[in-house]
Protein backbone atom coordinates (compact mmCIF):
# COMPACT_ATOMS: atom_id res chain seq x y z
CA UNK A 1 102.92 125.59 139.18
CA UNK A 2 102.92 128.13 136.31
CA UNK A 3 106.25 126.78 135.00
CA UNK A 4 104.89 123.30 135.23
CA UNK A 5 101.77 124.20 133.17
CA UNK A 6 103.90 126.00 130.70
CA UNK A 7 106.12 122.97 130.16
CA UNK A 8 103.13 120.78 129.62
CA UNK A 9 101.76 123.17 126.95
CA UNK A 10 105.03 123.18 125.23
CA UNK A 11 104.72 119.44 124.94
CA UNK A 12 101.44 119.85 123.03
CA UNK A 13 103.29 121.37 120.05
CA UNK A 14 105.00 118.21 118.72
CA UNK A 15 101.88 116.03 119.70
CA UNK A 16 99.54 118.20 117.74
CA UNK A 17 101.90 118.39 114.82
CA UNK A 18 102.02 114.55 114.68
CA UNK A 19 98.20 114.44 114.93
CA UNK A 20 97.74 117.08 112.13
CA UNK A 21 99.92 115.10 109.78
CA UNK A 22 98.10 111.78 110.54
CA UNK A 23 94.79 113.50 110.21
CA UNK A 24 95.62 115.18 106.89
CA UNK A 25 97.22 112.12 105.16
CA UNK A 26 95.00 109.43 106.54
CA UNK A 27 91.57 111.02 105.71
CA UNK A 28 92.70 111.20 101.96
CA UNK A 29 92.57 107.33 101.99
CA UNK A 30 88.84 107.45 102.51
CA UNK A 31 87.04 106.20 99.45
CA UNK A 32 85.19 108.89 97.38
CA UNK A 33 86.08 112.21 95.72
CA UNK A 34 85.41 115.43 97.69
CA UNK A 35 84.76 117.22 94.38
CA UNK A 36 82.16 114.81 93.29
CA UNK A 37 80.58 115.09 96.85
CA UNK A 38 80.63 118.82 96.54
CA UNK A 39 78.89 119.00 93.14
CA UNK A 40 76.30 116.35 94.31
CA UNK A 41 75.53 118.68 97.28
CA UNK A 42 74.67 121.56 95.02
CA UNK A 43 73.04 119.38 92.26
CA UNK A 44 75.54 120.36 89.77
CA UNK A 45 76.32 118.11 86.80
CA UNK A 46 79.47 115.70 87.05
CA UNK A 47 81.58 116.57 84.05
CA UNK A 48 85.36 116.62 83.71
CA UNK A 49 85.33 120.38 83.43
CA UNK A 50 83.21 120.92 86.58
CA UNK A 51 85.37 118.34 88.55
CA UNK A 52 88.57 120.07 87.40
CA UNK A 53 87.19 123.51 88.35
CA UNK A 54 86.11 122.31 91.80
CA UNK A 55 89.42 120.63 92.46
CA UNK A 56 91.32 123.67 91.48
CA UNK A 57 89.14 125.84 93.59
CA UNK A 58 89.53 123.66 96.67
CA UNK A 59 93.34 123.16 96.00
CA UNK A 60 92.90 119.38 95.46
CA UNK A 61 94.69 119.46 92.19
CA UNK A 62 98.09 120.08 94.06
CA UNK A 63 100.35 117.18 95.31
CA UNK A 64 99.32 116.07 98.78
CA UNK A 65 102.49 117.19 100.47
CA UNK A 66 101.99 120.55 98.94
CA UNK A 67 98.38 120.72 100.24
CA UNK A 68 99.58 119.81 103.69
CA UNK A 69 102.29 122.39 103.66
CA UNK A 70 99.80 125.11 102.78
CA UNK A 71 97.21 123.92 105.35
CA UNK A 72 99.84 123.63 108.10
CA UNK A 73 100.92 127.22 107.31
CA UNK A 74 97.30 128.42 107.73
CA UNK A 75 96.82 126.41 110.94
CA UNK A 76 99.94 128.13 112.47
CA UNK A 77 98.05 131.40 111.89
CA UNK A 78 94.88 130.12 113.49
CA UNK A 79 93.14 129.54 110.21
CA UNK A 80 91.76 126.03 109.70
CA UNK A 81 90.46 126.82 106.28
CA UNK A 82 86.84 126.93 104.99
CA UNK A 83 84.03 124.25 104.90
CA UNK A 84 83.52 122.71 101.49
CA UNK A 85 79.76 122.62 102.39
CA UNK A 86 78.97 125.95 103.90
CA UNK A 87 81.95 128.17 102.84
CA UNK A 88 82.23 129.32 106.38
CA UNK A 89 85.53 129.32 108.36
CA UNK A 90 85.99 126.03 110.02
CA UNK A 91 86.84 127.70 113.27
CA UNK A 92 83.38 129.34 113.37
CA UNK A 93 81.65 126.00 112.49
CA UNK A 94 83.63 124.08 115.19
CA UNK A 95 82.90 126.90 117.78
CA UNK A 96 79.29 126.79 117.21
CA UNK A 97 79.08 122.96 117.39
CA UNK A 98 81.57 122.81 120.21
CA UNK A 99 79.31 124.92 122.46
CA UNK A 100 76.41 122.38 122.23
CA UNK A 101 78.71 119.42 122.62
CA UNK A 102 80.43 120.94 125.66
CA UNK A 103 76.98 121.64 127.21
CA UNK A 104 76.04 118.08 126.72
CA UNK A 105 79.43 116.74 128.09
CA UNK A 106 79.23 119.02 131.16
CA UNK A 107 75.67 117.89 131.85
CA UNK A 108 76.93 114.29 131.55
CA UNK A 109 79.82 115.03 133.95
CA UNK A 110 77.27 116.38 136.46
CA UNK A 111 75.38 112.95 136.22
CA UNK A 112 78.74 111.19 136.60
CA UNK A 113 79.97 113.26 139.70
CA UNK A 114 76.67 113.12 141.47
CA UNK A 115 75.52 109.52 141.05
CA UNK A 116 79.14 108.02 141.02
CA UNK A 117 79.83 109.67 144.44
CA UNK A 118 76.51 108.73 145.88
CA UNK A 119 76.40 105.10 144.68
CA UNK A 120 80.21 104.56 145.22
CA UNK A 121 80.07 105.70 148.84
CA UNK A 122 76.82 103.76 149.55
CA UNK A 123 78.23 100.54 147.94
CA UNK A 124 81.41 100.80 150.05
CA UNK A 125 79.55 101.55 153.27
CA UNK A 126 77.17 98.45 152.66
CA UNK A 127 79.92 96.22 151.19
CA UNK A 128 78.62 92.58 150.84
CA UNK A 129 74.98 93.56 151.78
CA UNK A 130 71.91 93.98 149.67
CA UNK A 131 72.32 97.70 148.75
CA UNK A 132 75.86 96.77 147.53
CA UNK A 133 74.60 93.89 145.47
CA UNK A 134 72.02 96.16 143.84
CA UNK A 135 74.42 98.95 142.95
CA UNK A 136 76.89 96.50 141.61
CA UNK A 137 74.12 95.02 139.48
CA UNK A 138 73.33 98.44 138.08
CA UNK A 139 77.09 99.17 137.34
CA UNK A 140 77.26 95.87 135.49
CA UNK A 141 74.23 96.73 133.22
CA UNK A 142 75.26 100.34 132.75
CA UNK A 143 78.70 99.30 131.63
CA UNK A 144 77.30 96.56 129.22
CA UNK A 145 74.54 98.71 127.81
CA UNK A 146 75.17 100.14 124.28
CA UNK A 147 74.55 103.93 124.14
CA UNK A 148 72.42 103.87 121.04
CA UNK A 149 70.13 101.13 122.58
CA UNK A 150 69.92 102.94 125.90
CA UNK A 151 69.06 106.19 124.05
CA UNK A 152 66.21 104.53 121.99
CA UNK A 153 64.95 102.86 125.26
CA UNK A 154 64.89 106.20 127.15
CA UNK A 155 63.07 107.91 124.22
CA UNK A 156 60.53 105.04 124.03
CA UNK A 157 59.74 105.30 127.86
CA UNK A 158 60.10 108.92 128.74
CA UNK A 159 59.16 110.58 125.42
CA UNK A 160 56.71 108.26 123.47
CA UNK A 161 55.03 106.31 126.29
CA UNK A 162 54.98 108.58 129.32
CA UNK A 163 55.38 111.94 127.29
CA UNK A 164 57.53 113.50 130.08
CA UNK A 165 60.53 114.69 127.93
CA UNK A 166 61.06 115.89 124.36
CA UNK A 167 62.27 113.37 121.81
CA UNK A 168 64.79 115.64 120.14
CA UNK A 169 66.24 119.18 119.75
CA UNK A 170 68.12 121.53 122.05
CA UNK A 171 65.66 124.47 122.61
CA UNK A 172 64.87 124.01 126.18
CA UNK A 173 66.78 122.68 129.31
CA UNK A 174 64.58 119.56 129.55
CA UNK A 175 65.84 118.61 126.12
CA UNK A 176 69.23 118.04 127.87
CA UNK A 177 68.21 115.30 130.30
CA UNK A 178 67.90 112.26 128.21
CA UNK A 179 70.97 112.69 125.99
CA UNK A 180 73.19 113.74 128.83
CA UNK A 181 72.17 110.76 130.94
CA UNK A 182 72.50 108.39 128.07
CA UNK A 183 76.10 109.70 127.55
CA UNK A 184 76.94 109.47 131.25
CA UNK A 185 75.56 106.10 132.07
CA UNK A 186 78.50 103.76 131.22
CA UNK A 187 80.86 106.27 132.94
CA UNK A 188 78.61 106.27 136.02
CA UNK A 189 78.96 102.53 136.19
CA UNK A 190 82.75 102.76 135.73
CA UNK A 191 83.33 105.49 138.42
CA UNK A 192 81.00 103.93 140.89
CA UNK A 193 82.75 100.65 140.86
CA UNK A 194 86.29 102.50 140.90
CA UNK A 195 85.31 104.64 143.89
CA UNK A 196 83.82 101.70 145.88
CA UNK A 197 86.98 99.72 145.47
CA UNK A 198 89.24 102.64 146.19
CA UNK A 199 87.34 103.32 149.41
CA UNK A 200 87.43 99.79 150.60
CA UNK A 201 91.22 99.77 150.00
CA UNK A 202 92.00 103.06 151.64
CA UNK A 203 89.83 102.74 154.72
CA UNK A 204 92.10 99.81 155.88
CA UNK A 205 95.27 101.75 155.52
CA UNK A 206 97.36 102.43 158.75
CA UNK A 207 96.95 106.23 158.55
CA UNK A 208 93.13 105.84 158.68
CA UNK A 209 93.45 103.64 161.77
CA UNK A 210 95.80 106.17 163.28
CA UNK A 211 93.29 108.82 162.84
CA UNK A 212 90.56 106.85 164.48
CA UNK A 213 92.98 106.30 167.38
CA UNK A 214 93.54 110.02 167.67
CA UNK A 215 89.89 110.46 168.33
CA UNK A 216 88.43 111.08 164.90
CA UNK A 217 84.98 109.69 164.35
CA UNK A 218 84.14 107.32 161.53
CA UNK A 219 82.57 109.96 159.55
CA UNK A 220 85.46 112.46 160.17
CA UNK A 221 88.06 109.83 159.09
CA UNK A 222 85.82 109.00 156.03
CA UNK A 223 85.59 112.59 154.77
CA UNK A 224 88.95 113.97 155.71
CA UNK A 225 91.12 110.97 154.82
CA UNK A 226 89.42 108.12 152.92
CA UNK A 227 87.20 110.01 150.35
CA UNK A 228 89.80 112.70 149.27
CA UNK A 229 92.35 109.84 148.72
CA UNK A 230 89.80 107.70 146.99
CA UNK A 231 89.00 110.48 144.61
CA UNK A 232 92.66 110.52 143.16
CA UNK A 233 92.06 107.60 140.66
CA UNK A 234 88.75 109.14 139.67
CA UNK A 235 90.41 112.41 138.67
CA UNK A 236 93.22 110.62 136.96
CA UNK A 237 90.99 108.56 134.82
CA UNK A 238 88.37 111.35 134.37
CA UNK A 239 91.09 113.40 132.48
CA UNK A 240 91.44 110.57 129.92
CA UNK A 241 87.73 110.01 129.65
CA UNK A 242 86.62 113.68 129.16
CA UNK A 243 87.93 113.66 125.63
CA UNK A 244 86.13 110.29 125.24
CA UNK A 245 82.96 111.88 126.46
CA UNK A 246 83.20 114.49 123.80
CA UNK A 247 84.07 112.05 121.13
CA UNK A 248 81.49 109.51 122.35
CA UNK A 249 78.82 112.18 121.88
CA UNK A 250 78.71 111.32 118.20
CA UNK A 251 76.17 108.43 118.82
CA UNK A 252 74.02 110.25 121.25
CA UNK A 253 73.91 113.41 119.24
CA UNK A 254 72.57 111.50 116.24
CA UNK A 255 70.09 109.49 118.39
CA UNK A 256 68.55 112.68 119.91
CA UNK A 257 69.25 115.03 116.92
CA UNK A 258 71.42 117.20 119.19
CA UNK A 259 73.31 119.88 117.32
CA UNK A 260 76.96 119.37 118.06
CA UNK A 261 80.28 118.08 116.93
CA UNK A 262 79.23 114.59 116.57
CA UNK A 263 76.59 115.29 114.05
CA UNK A 264 78.85 117.70 112.30
CA UNK A 265 81.51 115.02 112.02
CA UNK A 266 79.21 112.41 110.49
CA UNK A 267 78.08 115.09 108.01
CA UNK A 268 81.65 116.11 107.15
CA UNK A 269 82.84 112.51 106.61
CA UNK A 270 79.77 111.77 104.37
CA UNK A 271 80.57 114.84 102.30
CA UNK A 272 84.45 114.28 102.23
CA UNK A 273 84.64 117.71 103.78
CA UNK A 274 88.42 117.58 104.53
CA UNK A 275 88.91 120.87 106.38
CA UNK A 276 86.10 120.14 108.78
CA UNK A 277 87.36 116.54 109.57
CA UNK A 278 90.90 117.86 110.14
CA UNK A 279 89.76 120.64 112.29
CA UNK A 280 87.59 118.15 114.30
CA UNK A 281 90.53 115.76 114.83
CA UNK A 282 92.88 118.55 115.91
CA UNK A 283 90.23 119.88 118.34
CA UNK A 284 89.75 116.43 119.87
CA UNK A 285 93.46 115.78 120.36
CA UNK A 286 93.86 119.15 122.03
CA UNK A 287 90.87 118.45 124.43
CA UNK A 288 92.23 115.00 125.31
CA UNK A 289 95.66 116.41 126.37
CA UNK A 290 94.36 119.58 128.11
CA UNK A 291 91.82 117.46 130.03
CA UNK A 292 94.68 115.18 131.13
CA UNK A 293 96.74 118.13 132.24
CA UNK A 294 93.86 119.42 134.32
CA UNK A 295 93.24 116.01 135.94
CA UNK A 296 97.01 115.90 136.81
CA UNK A 297 96.64 119.40 138.57
CA UNK A 298 93.57 118.27 140.42
CA UNK A 299 95.39 115.22 141.72
CA UNK A 300 98.30 117.26 142.90
CA UNK A 301 95.92 119.62 144.60
CA UNK A 302 94.34 116.73 146.44
CA UNK A 303 97.58 115.09 147.37
CA UNK A 304 100.74 117.27 147.46
CA UNK A 305 102.85 114.15 147.43
CA UNK A 306 102.07 113.69 143.80
CA UNK A 307 103.79 117.03 142.74
CA UNK A 308 106.52 116.25 140.46
CA UNK A 309 109.13 118.48 142.15
CA UNK A 310 108.96 121.56 144.23
CA UNK A 311 110.60 123.96 141.79
CA UNK A 312 107.97 123.09 139.06
CA UNK A 313 105.12 124.33 141.17
CA UNK A 314 106.60 127.67 142.27
């Protein structure tokens, strides 16, 4: 298994290199001059001399390929550069914001795991009956509802009308409830439907019938054979969606004024803060790939038949 993980991490190197190149060159196609944005942020006059001095200070006066070579050399040393806005290292800025976004994403995953498992199993057990219809209606609404609209609706009800939860901020645990549920809602709908369909398909498989014939009760067959196998597609898609949860937090963090990567990214794009944008894209790419690797290992742990080969897992 260690050898398999090592091979997967080696595969990250060319992928992250391509992502870094794409991020570096494509963001320079954005309209606007980062030197002008920097001078505007400090209320300095826009003159040819000041613009030239800032471009020289930030290294923007060099040819773009030369800029990329210098930046890539720094990245290989673990240095993502300095933020144009705060003059702090990008790694520290990302680390601070990543903590809050990770807390939000993990709380959202908690909602997804709990509600998807509960609703998915109930929907499968009562397939075709009233509880199943109600749950399927909820999943339809949850999948179709835009995050920003749901966020404003929850704020209107729970914060402004009923005054049960705070509108914004991250100072208390209860500040996490509304943004995490808003972020999780569409994924709850997706995984509830996926788990329901998976259970209905697997419980009619011959090995489940054989387990029942050997004396297993319906509950034993469900929890020992049906649900573990039904969870395989959940773990597979969750690895792909975890990065989406982090990147999808952009809207939710701005609705609830949550201090995380999403708000940082919007601010960096507005200020043409190239080092922060490049660092954010690299971080998201790494999260996507690592989350997919973890989901592969979780699937293999649930079902040894999915292991790629015996030697790779030694």
